[in-house]
């Protein structure tokens, strides 16, 4: 997830066309949330959500689902029992490089 910030008046999402613009006095507007003003942190959060949504859509597509279907399914509680601890004490964490637009 990346947000480009010109450190003055514009933030843009890397995965989407959405953007946030400073309107002065510490207030920002966001392209997909018309009629509202936000703090810089809130504007950043909104663009991050747009970026994450784009990533979710890409993942869902790989699974043959819509993003809404995937989110709904992922939001349900897991019914599987918790995994047992690795006997060797070694496990690995995998990070996905993601999909860029």
C-alpha atoms as a PDB file:
ATOM      1  CA  UNK A   1       0.000   0.000   0.000  1.00  0.00           C
ATOM      2  CA  UNK A   2       1.360   3.385  -0.986  1.00  0.00           C
ATOM      3  CA  UNK A   3       0.085   6.883  -0.928  1.00  0.00           C
ATOM      4  CA  UNK A   4       2.045   9.551  -2.741  1.00  0.00           C
ATOM      5  CA  UNK A   5       2.212  12.829  -0.846  1.00  0.00           C
ATOM      6  CA  UNK A   6       3.672  16.044  -2.237  1.00  0.00           C
ATOM      7  CA  UNK A   7       3.940  17.224   1.412  1.00  0.00           C
ATOM      8  CA  UNK A   8       1.865  20.321   0.704  1.00  0.00           C
ATOM      9  CA  UNK A   9      -1.483  20.019  -0.960  1.00  0.00           C
ATOM     10  CA  UNK A  10      -2.038  16.699  -2.722  1.00  0.00           C
ATOM     11  CA  UNK A  11      -2.072  13.017  -1.832  1.00  0.00           C
ATOM     12  CA  UNK A  12      -2.743  10.350  -4.443  1.00  0.00           C
ATOM     13  CA  UNK A  13      -3.474   6.649  -4.256  1.00  0.00           C
ATOM     14  CA  UNK A  14      -0.998   4.466  -6.116  1.00  0.00           C
ATOM     15  CA  UNK A  15      -3.517   1.707  -6.912  1.00  0.00           C
ATOM     16  CA  UNK A  16      -6.499   3.913  -7.786  1.00  0.00           C
ATOM     17  CA  UNK A  17      -7.197   7.274  -9.365  1.00  0.00           C
ATOM     18  CA  UNK A  18      -8.444   8.707  -6.050  1.00  0.00           C
ATOM     19  CA  UNK A  19      -6.820  11.713  -4.488  1.00  0.00           C
ATOM     20  CA  UNK A  20      -7.050  14.089  -1.565  1.00  0.00           C
ATOM     21  CA  UNK A  21      -6.467  17.828  -1.822  1.00  0.00           C
ATOM     22  CA  UNK A  22      -5.718  20.384   0.844  1.00  0.00           C
ATOM     23  CA  UNK A  23      -8.318  23.143   1.032  1.00  0.00           C
ATOM     24  CA  UNK A  24      -6.506  25.190   3.669  1.00  0.00           C
ATOM     25  CA  UNK A  25      -6.596  25.489   7.453  1.00  0.00           C
ATOM     26  CA  UNK A  26      -5.546  21.857   7.814  1.00  0.00           C
ATOM     27  CA  UNK A  27      -8.631  20.616   5.976  1.00  0.00           C
ATOM     28  CA  UNK A  28      -8.634  18.110   3.138  1.00  0.00           C
ATOM     29  CA  UNK A  29     -11.223  16.851   0.657  1.00  0.00           C
ATOM     30  CA  UNK A  30     -11.197  13.333  -0.784  1.00  0.00           C
ATOM     31  CA  UNK A  31     -12.296  12.521  -4.331  1.00  0.00           C
ATOM     32  CA  UNK A  32     -14.683   9.714  -3.396  1.00  0.00           C
ATOM     33  CA  UNK A  33     -16.149  11.389  -0.296  1.00  0.00           C
ATOM     34  CA  UNK A  34     -17.699  14.575  -1.720  1.00  0.00           C
ATOM     35  CA  UNK A  35     -19.096  17.291   0.501  1.00  0.00           C
ATOM     36  CA  UNK A  36     -16.951  16.429   3.501  1.00  0.00           C
ATOM     37  CA  UNK A  37     -13.719  17.816   4.890  1.00  0.00           C
ATOM     38  CA  UNK A  38     -11.138  15.849   6.820  1.00  0.00           C
ATOM     39  CA  UNK A  39      -7.903  16.260   8.729  1.00  0.00           C
ATOM     40  CA  UNK A  40      -4.740  15.220   6.906  1.00  0.00           C
ATOM     41  CA  UNK A  41      -4.664  11.944   8.861  1.00  0.00           C
ATOM     42  CA  UNK A  42      -8.282  11.228   7.956  1.00  0.00           C
ATOM     43  CA  UNK A  43      -7.624  11.972   4.279  1.00  0.00           C
ATOM     44  CA  UNK A  44      -4.663   9.604   4.376  1.00  0.00           C
ATOM     45  CA  UNK A  45      -6.852   6.932   5.983  1.00  0.00           C
ATOM     46  CA  UNK A  46      -9.477   7.372   3.262  1.00  0.00           C
ATOM     47  CA  UNK A  47      -6.881   6.936   0.507  1.00  0.00           C
ATOM     48  CA  UNK A  48      -5.436   3.936   2.302  1.00  0.00           C
ATOM     49  CA  UNK A  49      -8.913   2.389   2.376  1.00  0.00           C
ATOM     50  CA  UNK A  50      -9.255   2.995  -1.381  1.00  0.00           C
ATOM     51  CA  UNK A  51      -5.863   1.349  -1.924  1.00  0.00           C
ATOM     52  CA  UNK A  52      -6.800  -1.615   0.254  1.00  0.00           C
ATOM     53  CA  UNK A  53     -10.114  -1.979  -1.588  1.00  0.00           C
ATOM     54  CA  UNK A  54      -8.251  -2.148  -4.905  1.00  0.00           C
ATOM     55  CA  UNK A  55      -5.982  -4.835  -3.469  1.00  0.00           C
ATOM     56  CA  UNK A  56      -9.026  -6.726  -2.176  1.00  0.00           C
ATOM     57  CA  UNK A  57     -10.610  -6.603  -5.629  1.00  0.00           C
ATOM     58  CA  UNK A  58      -7.432  -8.035  -7.153  1.00  0.00           C
ATOM     59  CA  UNK A  59      -7.322 -10.870  -4.607  1.00  0.00           C
ATOM     60  CA  UNK A  60     -11.018 -11.611  -5.069  1.00  0.00           C
ATOM     61  CA  UNK A  61     -10.574 -11.775  -8.830  1.00  0.00           C
ATOM     62  CA  UNK A  62      -7.859 -14.408  -8.417  1.00  0.00           C
ATOM     63  CA  UNK A  63     -10.324 -16.455  -6.360  1.00  0.00           C
ATOM     64  CA  UNK A  64     -13.245 -16.034  -8.732  1.00  0.00           C
ATOM     65  CA  UNK A  65     -15.145 -13.862  -6.250  1.00  0.00           C
ATOM     66  CA  UNK A  66     -16.244 -10.273  -6.028  1.00  0.00           C
ATOM     67  CA  UNK A  67     -14.550  -8.092  -3.445  1.00  0.00           C
ATOM     68  CA  UNK A  68     -17.790  -7.895  -1.457  1.00  0.00           C
ATOM     69  CA  UNK A  69     -18.091 -11.695  -1.413  1.00  0.00           C
ATOM     70  CA  UNK A  70     -14.495 -12.072  -0.252  1.00  0.00           C
ATOM     71  CA  UNK A  71     -14.821  -9.445   2.470  1.00  0.00           C
ATOM     72  CA  UNK A  72     -18.043 -10.999   3.727  1.00  0.00           C
ATOM     73  CA  UNK A  73     -16.523 -14.454   3.855  1.00  0.00           C
ATOM     74  CA  UNK A  74     -13.290 -13.263   5.467  1.00  0.00           C
ATOM     75  CA  UNK A  75     -15.256 -11.354   8.120  1.00  0.00           C
ATOM     76  CA  UNK A  76     -16.851 -14.533   9.460  1.00  0.00           C
ATOM     77  CA  UNK A  77     -15.243 -16.317  12.367  1.00  0.00           C
ATOM     78  CA  UNK A  78     -12.966 -19.219  11.572  1.00  0.00           C
ATOM     79  CA  UNK A  79     -14.562 -22.521  12.641  1.00  0.00           C
ATOM     80  CA  UNK A  80     -11.320 -24.489  12.456  1.00  0.00           C
ATOM     81  CA  UNK A  81      -9.495 -25.235  15.703  1.00  0.00           C
ATOM     82  CA  UNK A  82      -6.373 -23.164  16.400  1.00  0.00           C
ATOM     83  CA  UNK A  83      -3.228 -24.637  14.843  1.00  0.00           C
ATOM     84  CA  UNK A  84      -0.829 -26.590  16.993  1.00  0.00           C
ATOM     85  CA  UNK A  85       2.508 -24.957  17.666  1.00  0.00           C
ATOM     86  CA  UNK A  86       5.277 -26.094  15.345  1.00  0.00           C
ATOM     87  CA  UNK A  87       7.240 -28.921  16.924  1.00  0.00           C
ATOM     88  CA  UNK A  88      10.496 -27.735  15.413  1.00  0.00           C
ATOM     89  CA  UNK A  89       9.864 -24.258  16.738  1.00  0.00           C
ATOM     90  CA  UNK A  90      10.382 -22.938  13.257  1.00  0.00           C
ATOM     91  CA  UNK A  91       7.729 -21.488  11.069  1.00  0.00           C
ATOM     92  CA  UNK A  92       7.807 -18.865   8.418  1.00  0.00           C
ATOM     93  CA  UNK A  93       5.740 -15.850   7.700  1.00  0.00           C
ATOM     94  CA  UNK A  94       4.970 -15.262   4.067  1.00  0.00           C
ATOM     95  CA  UNK A  95       4.397 -11.816   2.655  1.00  0.00           C
ATOM     96  CA  UNK A  96       2.636 -11.289  -0.602  1.00  0.00           C
ATOM     97  CA  UNK A  97       4.165  -8.728  -2.885  1.00  0.00           C
ATOM     98  CA  UNK A  98       0.675  -7.746  -3.968  1.00  0.00           C
ATOM     99  CA  UNK A  99      -0.705  -6.576  -7.233  1.00  0.00           C
ATOM    100  CA  UNK A 100       0.000  -3.196  -8.670  1.00  0.00           C
ATOM    101  CA  UNK A 101      -2.382  -1.450 -10.972  1.00  0.00           C
END
